[in-house]
Amino acid sequence: MFVKWKFNGTEFFAFDGFSKKLRRSDKFSSANFTSEKDLPKGIASLSILAAQALPGNYTCEVTESNREGEIVVELKISVGNESDCRDRLPCPSGTESDCRDRLPCPSGSWFPSVESVFIILFLFLAIIFSLAQLCVVASKFEIGLGKKVGLIITGSIIIIAGVVGAILLVPDGYTPKNRAGLGLLVVPAVIFLPLQYLLLGIVFENHLSPSAVVLVALKSLGYIIAVVGFALCVSACPPAQGSVVIAGLAIMAFAALISLAYVCIE
């Protein structure tokens, strides 16, 4: 049996079944049979690392005794799961409809654009409402210089993390930068919890009312949900639980809004 694979008409992989010798080009150095034991069945599927798999037409030619066959596979880029980041270029003995290509982790968007917008939106709503609380509390209550400096630093950290996270998350692709961006949008949000407790503590002179405790608990619940969503999303492409992150951040933004209204009427 002789097997040849060509990319846009140029041979890059060849196998001589009699001598068991393989030839492959440097550009496709990772190319290999998915299962060499299936060759006698006429299945010459090829695996290529995603980094070397280029969009285009791949032609598989198989010659065995007095029989020969040829099939063309068009490789297109689509989003899949990182855990299976290898392209399979099938060349079965069946029909062309059986010959599918897969590129699990390409350069497409990690999150759908709508989910990315909501993640960023709810985080910045939480930031805006929290900073508004800070301004209201600072204008209505006496705050020591040390606390003022601490609150300003805390607010600055949240804003910087949010801006940098949004910049890293938005570009297309499933890269460490995108994942770091999501992490910067979610993980530093833990700062909201002590900030909320501190602001309400100033309002109630360190004796929180039951309703204030509920608000802190609600924001804590939102953060836990957002972190769980982050953990579920960070290892998947496309992320199956983006809505969990959105739900957690939405709860935090809602709790911040209620807290703002609460400190305004006190």
C-alpha atoms as a PDB file:
ATOM      1  CA  MET A   1       0.000   0.000   0.000  1.00  0.00           C
ATOM      2  CA  PHE A   2       1.114   3.528  -0.805  1.00  0.00           C
ATOM      3  CA  VAL A   3      -0.411   6.569   0.880  1.00  0.00           C
ATOM      4  CA  LYS A   4       0.193  10.177  -0.079  1.00  0.00           C
ATOM      5  CA  TRP A   5      -1.158  13.363   1.469  1.00  0.00           C
ATOM      6  CA  LYS A   6      -0.987  16.651  -0.389  1.00  0.00           C
ATOM      7  CA  PHE A   7      -1.697  20.187   0.775  1.00  0.00           C
ATOM      8  CA  ASN A   8      -3.076  22.379  -2.016  1.00  0.00           C
ATOM      9  CA  GLY A   9      -1.477  20.011  -4.522  1.00  0.00           C
ATOM     10  CA  THR A  10       1.944  19.774  -2.856  1.00  0.00           C
ATOM     11  CA  GLU A  11       2.918  16.457  -1.296  1.00  0.00           C
ATOM     12  CA  PHE A  12       3.829  16.688   2.399  1.00  0.00           C
ATOM     13  CA  PHE A  13       3.354  13.131   3.665  1.00  0.00           C
ATOM     14  CA  ALA A  14       4.025   9.753   2.051  1.00  0.00           C
ATOM     15  CA  PHE A  15       3.981   6.185   3.336  1.00  0.00           C
ATOM     16  CA  ASP A  16       5.378   3.082   1.652  1.00  0.00           C
ATOM     17  CA  GLY A  17       3.569   0.066   3.051  1.00  0.00           C
ATOM     18  CA  PHE A  18       6.161  -2.399   1.752  1.00  0.00           C
ATOM     19  CA  SER A  19       9.225  -0.784   3.303  1.00  0.00           C
ATOM     20  CA  LYS A  20       7.258   0.852   6.170  1.00  0.00           C
ATOM     21  CA  LYS A  21       9.018   4.128   5.423  1.00  0.00           C
ATOM     22  CA  LEU A  22       7.513   7.549   6.058  1.00  0.00           C
ATOM     23  CA  ARG A  23       8.384  10.854   4.416  1.00  0.00           C
ATOM     24  CA  ARG A  24       7.012  14.138   5.683  1.00  0.00           C
ATOM     25  CA  SER A  25       7.856  17.785   5.066  1.00  0.00           C
ATOM     26  CA  ASP A  26       9.226  20.033   7.791  1.00  0.00           C
ATOM     27  CA  LYS A  27       6.115  22.224   7.711  1.00  0.00           C
ATOM     28  CA  PHE A  28       4.029  19.207   8.733  1.00  0.00           C
ATOM     29  CA  SER A  29       6.534  17.479  10.988  1.00  0.00           C
ATOM     30  CA  SER A  30       3.791  16.391  13.419  1.00  0.00           C
ATOM     31  CA  ALA A  31       1.768  14.596  10.720  1.00  0.00           C
ATOM     32  CA  ASN A  32       1.143  10.948  11.483  1.00  0.00           C
ATOM     33  CA  PHE A  33      -1.474   8.279  10.973  1.00  0.00           C
ATOM     34  CA  THR A  34      -4.281   8.359  13.500  1.00  0.00           C
ATOM     35  CA  SER A  35      -4.184   4.571  13.541  1.00  0.00           C
ATOM     36  CA  GLU A  36      -1.690   2.714  11.369  1.00  0.00           C
ATOM     37  CA  LYS A  37      -3.366  -0.605  12.140  1.00  0.00           C
ATOM     38  CA  ASP A  38      -6.460   0.614  10.252  1.00  0.00           C
ATOM     39  CA  LEU A  39      -4.522   1.051   6.996  1.00  0.00           C
ATOM     40  CA  PRO A  40      -5.487  -2.425   5.710  1.00  0.00           C
ATOM     41  CA  LYS A  41      -9.112  -1.347   6.063  1.00  0.00           C
ATOM     42  CA  GLY A  42      -8.464   1.589   3.757  1.00  0.00           C
ATOM     43  CA  ILE A  43      -8.526   4.158   6.553  1.00  0.00           C
ATOM     44  CA  ALA A  44      -5.576   6.538   6.289  1.00  0.00           C
ATOM     45  CA  SER A  45      -6.717   9.305   8.632  1.00  0.00           C
ATOM     46  CA  LEU A  46      -3.997  11.790   9.482  1.00  0.00           C
ATOM     47  CA  SER A  47      -3.348  13.703  12.695  1.00  0.00           C
ATOM     48  CA  ILE A  48      -1.605  17.084  12.676  1.00  0.00           C
ATOM     49  CA  LEU A  49      -0.899  19.440  15.542  1.00  0.00           C
ATOM     50  CA  ALA A  50      -3.245  22.417  15.436  1.00  0.00           C
ATOM     51  CA  ALA A  51      -0.286  24.806  15.227  1.00  0.00           C
ATOM     52  CA  GLN A  52       0.764  23.218  11.902  1.00  0.00           C
ATOM     53  CA  ALA A  53      -2.683  22.600  10.428  1.00  0.00           C
ATOM     54  CA  LEU A  54      -3.328  25.238   7.792  1.00  0.00           C
ATOM     55  CA  PRO A  55      -6.737  25.956   6.249  1.00  0.00           C
ATOM     56  CA  GLY A  56      -6.954  24.657   2.719  1.00  0.00           C
ATOM     57  CA  ASN A  57      -7.469  21.533   0.624  1.00  0.00           C
ATOM     58  CA  TYR A  58      -5.831  18.283   1.710  1.00  0.00           C
ATOM     59  CA  THR A  59      -5.770  15.431  -0.787  1.00  0.00           C
ATOM     60  CA  CYS A  60      -5.342  11.810   0.248  1.00  0.00           C
ATOM     61  CA  GLU A  61      -4.225   9.270  -2.372  1.00  0.00           C
ATOM     62  CA  VAL A  62      -4.205   5.555  -1.549  1.00  0.00           C
ATOM     63  CA  THR A  63      -2.836   2.868  -3.883  1.00  0.00           C
ATOM     64  CA  GLU A  64      -3.144  -0.835  -3.042  1.00  0.00           C
ATOM     65  CA  SER A  65      -2.427  -3.627  -5.559  1.00  0.00           C
ATOM     66  CA  ASN A  66      -4.552  -2.770  -8.566  1.00  0.00           C
ATOM     67  CA  ARG A  67      -6.843  -0.431  -6.650  1.00  0.00           C
ATOM     68  CA  GLU A  68      -6.463   3.258  -5.966  1.00  0.00           C
ATOM     69  CA  GLY A  69      -8.554   6.052  -4.536  1.00  0.00           C
ATOM     70  CA  GLU A  70      -8.417   9.748  -3.887  1.00  0.00           C
ATOM     71  CA  ILE A  71     -10.361  12.099  -1.665  1.00  0.00           C
ATOM     72  CA  VAL A  72     -10.099  15.825  -0.931  1.00  0.00           C
ATOM     73  CA  VAL A  73     -10.668  17.352   2.490  1.00  0.00           C
ATOM     74  CA  GLU A  74     -11.214  21.075   2.955  1.00  0.00           C
ATOM     75  CA  LEU A  75      -9.900  22.133   6.344  1.00  0.00           C
ATOM     76  CA  LYS A  76     -11.729  25.050   7.936  1.00  0.00           C
ATOM     77  CA  ILE A  77     -11.100  26.670  11.297  1.00  0.00           C
ATOM     78  CA  SER A  78     -13.811  26.318  13.921  1.00  0.00           C
ATOM     79  CA  VAL A  79     -13.879  26.532  17.718  1.00  0.00           C
ATOM     80  CA  GLY A  80     -13.635  23.394  19.823  1.00  0.00           C
ATOM     81  CA  ASN A  81     -12.176  22.047  23.071  1.00  0.00           C
ATOM     82  CA  GLU A  82      -8.534  22.513  24.061  1.00  0.00           C
ATOM     83  CA  SER A  83      -8.398  19.029  25.561  1.00  0.00           C
ATOM     84  CA  ASP A  84      -8.416  17.605  22.017  1.00  0.00           C
ATOM     85  CA  CYS A  85      -6.221  20.130  20.249  1.00  0.00           C
ATOM     86  CA  ARG A  86      -5.245  17.929  17.333  1.00  0.00           C
ATOM     87  CA  ASP A  87      -6.647  18.028  13.810  1.00  0.00           C
ATOM     88  CA  ARG A  88      -7.728  14.825  12.219  1.00  0.00           C
ATOM     89  CA  LEU A  89      -7.781  14.771   8.461  1.00  0.00           C
ATOM     90  CA  PRO A  90      -9.743  11.595   7.731  1.00  0.00           C
ATOM     91  CA  CYS A  91      -9.274   9.645   4.543  1.00  0.00           C
ATOM     92  CA  PRO A  92     -11.591   6.680   4.962  1.00  0.00           C
ATOM     93  CA  SER A  93     -12.638   4.186   2.381  1.00  0.00           C
ATOM     94  CA  GLY A  94     -16.235   5.353   2.704  1.00  0.00           C
ATOM     95  CA  THR A  95     -17.979   8.338   1.135  1.00  0.00           C
ATOM     96  CA  GLU A  96     -16.698  11.889   1.078  1.00  0.00           C
ATOM     97  CA  SER A  97     -19.318  12.842   3.677  1.00  0.00           C
ATOM     98  CA  ASP A  98     -17.374  10.675   6.135  1.00  0.00           C
ATOM     99  CA  CYS A  99     -14.242  12.705   5.554  1.00  0.00           C
ATOM    100  CA  ARG A 100     -14.442  15.498   8.120  1.00  0.00           C
ATOM    101  CA  ASP A 101     -11.777  17.790   9.443  1.00  0.00           C
ATOM    102  CA  ARG A 102     -11.607  19.172  12.933  1.00  0.00           C
ATOM    103  CA  LEU A 103      -9.631  22.036  14.394  1.00  0.00           C
ATOM    104  CA  PRO A 104     -10.608  22.183  18.071  1.00  0.00           C
ATOM    105  CA  CYS A 105      -8.633  25.176  19.321  1.00  0.00           C
ATOM    106  CA  PRO A 106      -8.218  27.766  16.583  1.00  0.00           C
ATOM    107  CA  SER A 107      -8.110  31.517  16.513  1.00  0.00           C
ATOM    108  CA  GLY A 108     -11.851  32.186  16.768  1.00  0.00           C
ATOM    109  CA  SER A 109     -13.498  33.999  19.650  1.00  0.00           C
ATOM    110  CA  TRP A 110     -13.324  32.198  22.980  1.00  0.00           C
ATOM    111  CA  PHE A 111     -16.592  33.625  24.338  1.00  0.00           C
ATOM    112  CA  PRO A 112     -19.528  34.628  22.165  1.00  0.00           C
ATOM    113  CA  SER A 113     -19.439  38.411  21.836  1.00  0.00           C
ATOM    114  CA  VAL A 114     -22.688  38.783  23.806  1.00  0.00           C
ATOM    115  CA  GLU A 115     -21.271  36.883  26.784  1.00  0.00           C
ATOM    116  CA  SER A 116     -18.043  38.900  26.706  1.00  0.00           C
ATOM    117  CA  VAL A 117     -20.074  42.125  26.732  1.00  0.00           C
ATOM    118  CA  PHE A 118     -22.178  41.005  29.700  1.00  0.00           C
ATOM    119  CA  ILE A 119     -19.163  39.815  31.699  1.00  0.00           C
ATOM    120  CA  ILE A 120     -17.415  43.166  31.264  1.00  0.00           C
ATOM    121  CA  LEU A 121     -20.655  45.158  31.710  1.00  0.00           C
ATOM    122  CA  PHE A 122     -21.684  43.583  35.014  1.00  0.00           C
ATOM    123  CA  LEU A 123     -18.177  43.855  36.452  1.00  0.00           C
ATOM    124  CA  PHE A 124     -17.962  47.555  35.643  1.00  0.00           C
ATOM    125  CA  LEU A 125     -21.478  48.148  36.966  1.00  0.00           C
ATOM    126  CA  ALA A 126     -20.325  46.581  40.231  1.00  0.00           C
ATOM    127  CA  ILE A 127     -17.259  48.853  40.176  1.00  0.00           C
ATOM    128  CA  ILE A 128     -19.332  51.986  39.457  1.00  0.00           C
ATOM    129  CA  PHE A 129     -21.892  51.232  42.172  1.00  0.00           C
ATOM    130  CA  SER A 130     -19.145  50.427  44.699  1.00  0.00           C
ATOM    131  CA  LEU A 131     -17.215  53.620  43.933  1.00  0.00           C
ATOM    132  CA  ALA A 132     -20.472  55.572  44.185  1.00  0.00           C
ATOM    133  CA  GLN A 133     -20.972  54.047  47.630  1.00  0.00           C
ATOM    134  CA  LEU A 134     -17.472  55.145  48.551  1.00  0.00           C
ATOM    135  CA  CYS A 135     -18.196  58.714  47.483  1.00  0.00           C
ATOM    136  CA  VAL A 136     -21.500  58.812  49.384  1.00  0.00           C
ATOM    137  CA  VAL A 137     -19.968  57.390  52.564  1.00  0.00           C
ATOM    138  CA  ALA A 138     -17.000  59.762  52.341  1.00  0.00           C
ATOM    139  CA  SER A 139     -19.337  62.763  51.987  1.00  0.00           C
ATOM    140  CA  LYS A 140     -21.693  61.776  54.814  1.00  0.00           C
ATOM    141  CA  PHE A 141     -19.360  60.267  57.393  1.00  0.00           C
ATOM    142  CA  GLU A 142     -16.012  61.081  58.929  1.00  0.00           C
ATOM    143  CA  ILE A 143     -13.305  58.765  57.621  1.00  0.00           C
ATOM    144  CA  GLY A 144      -9.727  58.718  58.907  1.00  0.00           C
ATOM    145  CA  LEU A 145      -6.852  59.443  56.553  1.00  0.00           C
ATOM    146  CA  GLY A 146      -5.601  55.848  56.743  1.00  0.00           C
ATOM    147  CA  LYS A 147      -8.985  54.442  55.730  1.00  0.00           C
ATOM    148  CA  LYS A 148      -9.301  56.986  52.918  1.00  0.00           C
ATOM    149  CA  VAL A 149      -5.939  55.965  51.489  1.00  0.00           C
ATOM    150  CA  GLY A 150      -6.834  52.292  51.812  1.00  0.00           C
ATOM    151  CA  LEU A 151     -10.171  52.780  50.080  1.00  0.00           C
ATOM    152  CA  ILE A 152      -8.585  54.763  47.242  1.00  0.00           C
ATOM    153  CA  ILE A 153      -5.930  52.078  46.702  1.00  0.00           C
ATOM    154  CA  THR A 154      -8.582  49.355  46.778  1.00  0.00           C
ATOM    155  CA  GLY A 155     -10.726  51.173  44.239  1.00  0.00           C
ATOM    156  CA  SER A 156      -7.719  51.751  41.980  1.00  0.00           C
ATOM    157  CA  ILE A 157      -6.759  48.054  42.049  1.00  0.00           C
ATOM    158  CA  ILE A 158     -10.277  47.015  41.035  1.00  0.00           C
ATOM    159  CA  ILE A 159     -10.398  49.523  38.165  1.00  0.00           C
ATOM    160  CA  ILE A 160      -6.938  48.617  36.826  1.00  0.00           C
ATOM    161  CA  ALA A 161      -7.650  44.879  37.024  1.00  0.00           C
ATOM    162  CA  GLY A 162     -10.988  45.357  35.269  1.00  0.00           C
ATOM    163  CA  VAL A 163      -9.573  47.483  32.446  1.00  0.00           C
ATOM    164  CA  VAL A 164      -6.596  45.179  31.825  1.00  0.00           C
ATOM    165  CA  GLY A 165      -8.830  42.094  32.042  1.00  0.00           C
ATOM    166  CA  ALA A 166     -11.264  43.518  29.490  1.00  0.00           C
ATOM    167  CA  ILE A 167      -8.416  44.386  27.102  1.00  0.00           C
ATOM    168  CA  LEU A 168      -7.033  40.840  27.326  1.00  0.00           C
ATOM    169  CA  LEU A 169     -10.393  39.067  27.080  1.00  0.00           C
ATOM    170  CA  VAL A 170     -11.855  40.846  24.051  1.00  0.00           C
ATOM    171  CA  PRO A 171      -9.396  39.786  21.275  1.00  0.00           C
ATOM    172  CA  ASP A 172     -10.190  36.607  19.338  1.00  0.00           C
ATOM    173  CA  GLY A 173      -8.504  33.367  20.286  1.00  0.00           C
ATOM    174  CA  TYR A 174      -8.169  30.922  23.136  1.00  0.00           C
ATOM    175  CA  THR A 175      -4.793  31.923  24.499  1.00  0.00           C
ATOM    176  CA  PRO A 176      -3.198  32.378  27.930  1.00  0.00           C
ATOM    177  CA  LYS A 177      -3.860  36.116  27.511  1.00  0.00           C
ATOM    178  CA  ASN A 178      -7.590  35.567  27.063  1.00  0.00           C
ATOM    179  CA  ARG A 179      -7.701  33.294  30.099  1.00  0.00           C
ATOM    180  CA  ALA A 180      -5.664  35.773  32.144  1.00  0.00           C
ATOM    181  CA  GLY A 181      -8.112  38.469  31.080  1.00  0.00           C
ATOM    182  CA  LEU A 182     -11.062  36.483  32.405  1.00  0.00           C
ATOM    183  CA  GLY A 183      -9.113  35.815  35.590  1.00  0.00           C
ATOM    184  CA  LEU A 184      -8.464  39.545  36.083  1.00  0.00           C
ATOM    185  CA  LEU A 185     -12.153  40.258  35.602  1.00  0.00           C
ATOM    186  CA  VAL A 186     -13.279  37.658  38.122  1.00  0.00           C
ATOM    187  CA  VAL A 187     -10.653  36.829  40.759  1.00  0.00           C
ATOM    188  CA  PRO A 188      -9.764  40.377  41.949  1.00  0.00           C
ATOM    189  CA  ALA A 189     -13.493  41.004  42.447  1.00  0.00           C
ATOM    190  CA  VAL A 190     -12.939  39.446  45.873  1.00  0.00           C
ATOM    191  CA  ILE A 191     -11.837  42.957  46.871  1.00  0.00           C
ATOM    192  CA  PHE A 192     -15.495  43.979  46.689  1.00  0.00           C
ATOM    193  CA  LEU A 193     -16.260  41.851  49.752  1.00  0.00           C
ATOM    194  CA  PRO A 194     -14.034  43.547  52.376  1.00  0.00           C
ATOM    195  CA  LEU A 195     -14.763  46.904  50.707  1.00  0.00           C
ATOM    196  CA  GLN A 196     -18.489  46.354  51.106  1.00  0.00           C
ATOM    197  CA  TYR A 197     -18.066  45.258  54.705  1.00  0.00           C
ATOM    198  CA  LEU A 198     -15.873  48.266  55.472  1.00  0.00           C
ATOM    199  CA  LEU A 199     -18.266  50.792  53.929  1.00  0.00           C
ATOM    200  CA  LEU A 200     -21.286  49.372  55.712  1.00  0.00           C
ATOM    201  CA  GLY A 201     -19.229  49.194  58.907  1.00  0.00           C
ATOM    202  CA  ILE A 202     -18.578  52.933  58.634  1.00  0.00           C
ATOM    203  CA  VAL A 203     -22.277  53.614  58.084  1.00  0.00           C
ATOM    204  CA  PHE A 204     -23.390  51.461  61.034  1.00  0.00           C
ATOM    205  CA  GLU A 205     -20.385  52.223  63.246  1.00  0.00           C
ATOM    206  CA  ASN A 206     -19.133  48.615  63.059  1.00  0.00           C
ATOM    207  CA  HIS A 207     -22.499  47.213  64.151  1.00  0.00           C
ATOM    208  CA  LEU A 208     -24.034  45.865  60.957  1.00  0.00           C
ATOM    209  CA  SER A 209     -27.785  45.502  60.823  1.00  0.00           C
ATOM    210  CA  PRO A 210     -29.275  42.194  59.638  1.00  0.00           C
ATOM    211  CA  SER A 211     -30.082  43.742  56.263  1.00  0.00           C
ATOM    212  CA  ALA A 212     -26.455  44.912  55.874  1.00  0.00           C
ATOM    213  CA  VAL A 213     -25.226  41.408  56.680  1.00  0.00           C
ATOM    214  CA  VAL A 214     -27.581  40.015  54.019  1.00  0.00           C
ATOM    215  CA  LEU A 215     -26.124  42.428  51.445  1.00  0.00           C
ATOM    216  CA  VAL A 216     -22.574  41.335  52.251  1.00  0.00           C
ATOM    217  CA  ALA A 217     -23.639  37.686  52.103  1.00  0.00           C
ATOM    218  CA  LEU A 218     -25.389  38.274  48.755  1.00  0.00           C
ATOM    219  CA  LYS A 219     -22.282  39.836  47.248  1.00  0.00           C
ATOM    220  CA  SER A 220     -20.193  36.955  48.630  1.00  0.00           C
ATOM    221  CA  LEU A 221     -22.562  34.467  47.002  1.00  0.00           C
ATOM    222  CA  GLY A 222     -22.218  36.291  43.694  1.00  0.00           C
ATOM    223  CA  TYR A 223     -18.448  36.133  43.923  1.00  0.00           C
ATOM    224  CA  ILE A 224     -18.463  32.400  44.675  1.00  0.00           C
ATOM    225  CA  ILE A 225     -20.723  31.757  41.669  1.00  0.00           C
ATOM    226  CA  ALA A 226     -18.473  33.871  39.423  1.00  0.00           C
ATOM    227  CA  VAL A 227     -15.343  32.004  40.564  1.00  0.00           C
ATOM    228  CA  VAL A 228     -17.009  28.636  39.994  1.00  0.00           C
ATOM    229  CA  GLY A 229     -17.976  29.789  36.509  1.00  0.00           C
ATOM    230  CA  PHE A 230     -14.412  30.951  35.875  1.00  0.00           C
ATOM    231  CA  ALA A 231     -13.046  27.558  36.936  1.00  0.00           C
ATOM    232  CA  LEU A 232     -15.472  25.801  34.567  1.00  0.00           C
ATOM    233  CA  CYS A 233     -14.701  28.118  31.651  1.00  0.00           C
ATOM    234  CA  VAL A 234     -10.945  28.528  31.837  1.00  0.00           C
ATOM    235  CA  SER A 235     -10.183  25.016  30.589  1.00  0.00           C
ATOM    236  CA  ALA A 236     -12.854  24.825  27.884  1.00  0.00           C
ATOM    237  CA  CYS A 237     -13.055  26.215  24.370  1.00  0.00           C
ATOM    238  CA  PRO A 238     -15.779  27.170  23.728  1.00  0.00           C
ATOM    239  CA  PRO A 239     -16.731  27.764  27.394  1.00  0.00           C
ATOM    240  CA  ALA A 240     -19.867  25.865  28.322  1.00  0.00           C
ATOM    241  CA  GLN A 241     -20.566  27.822  31.523  1.00  0.00           C
ATOM    242  CA  GLY A 242     -20.097  31.453  30.537  1.00  0.00           C
ATOM    243  CA  SER A 243     -23.579  32.146  31.879  1.00  0.00           C
ATOM    244  CA  VAL A 244     -22.412  31.123  35.363  1.00  0.00           C
ATOM    245  CA  VAL A 245     -19.740  33.839  35.358  1.00  0.00           C
ATOM    246  CA  ILE A 246     -22.315  36.345  34.108  1.00  0.00           C
ATOM    247  CA  ALA A 247     -24.804  35.318  36.792  1.00  0.00           C
ATOM    248  CA  GLY A 248     -22.222  35.710  39.565  1.00  0.00           C
ATOM    249  CA  LEU A 249     -21.097  39.161  38.405  1.00  0.00           C
ATOM    250  CA  ALA A 250     -24.725  40.226  37.901  1.00  0.00           C
ATOM    251  CA  ILE A 251     -25.515  39.280  41.509  1.00  0.00           C
ATOM    252  CA  MET A 252     -22.513  41.301  42.698  1.00  0.00           C
ATOM    253  CA  ALA A 253     -23.613  44.317  40.648  1.00  0.00           C
ATOM    254  CA  PHE A 254     -27.170  44.006  41.986  1.00  0.00           C
ATOM    255  CA  ALA A 255     -25.920  43.775  45.575  1.00  0.00           C
ATOM    256  CA  ALA A 256     -23.723  46.849  45.010  1.00  0.00           C
ATOM    257  CA  LEU A 257     -26.722  48.775  43.647  1.00  0.00           C
ATOM    258  CA  ILE A 258     -28.898  47.882  46.645  1.00  0.00           C
ATOM    259  CA  SER A 259     -26.045  48.793  48.985  1.00  0.00           C
ATOM    260  CA  LEU A 260     -25.687  52.160  47.253  1.00  0.00           C
ATOM    261  CA  ALA A 261     -29.388  52.874  47.747  1.00  0.00           C
ATOM    262  CA  TYR A 262     -29.047  51.684  51.347  1.00  0.00           C
ATOM    263  CA  VAL A 263     -26.188  54.060  52.267  1.00  0.00           C
ATOM    264  CA  CYS A 264     -27.911  56.949  50.468  1.00  0.00           C
ATOM    265  CA  ILE A 265     -31.014  56.756  52.667  1.00  0.00           C
ATOM    266  CA  GLU A 266     -29.175  56.214  55.927  1.00  0.00           C
END
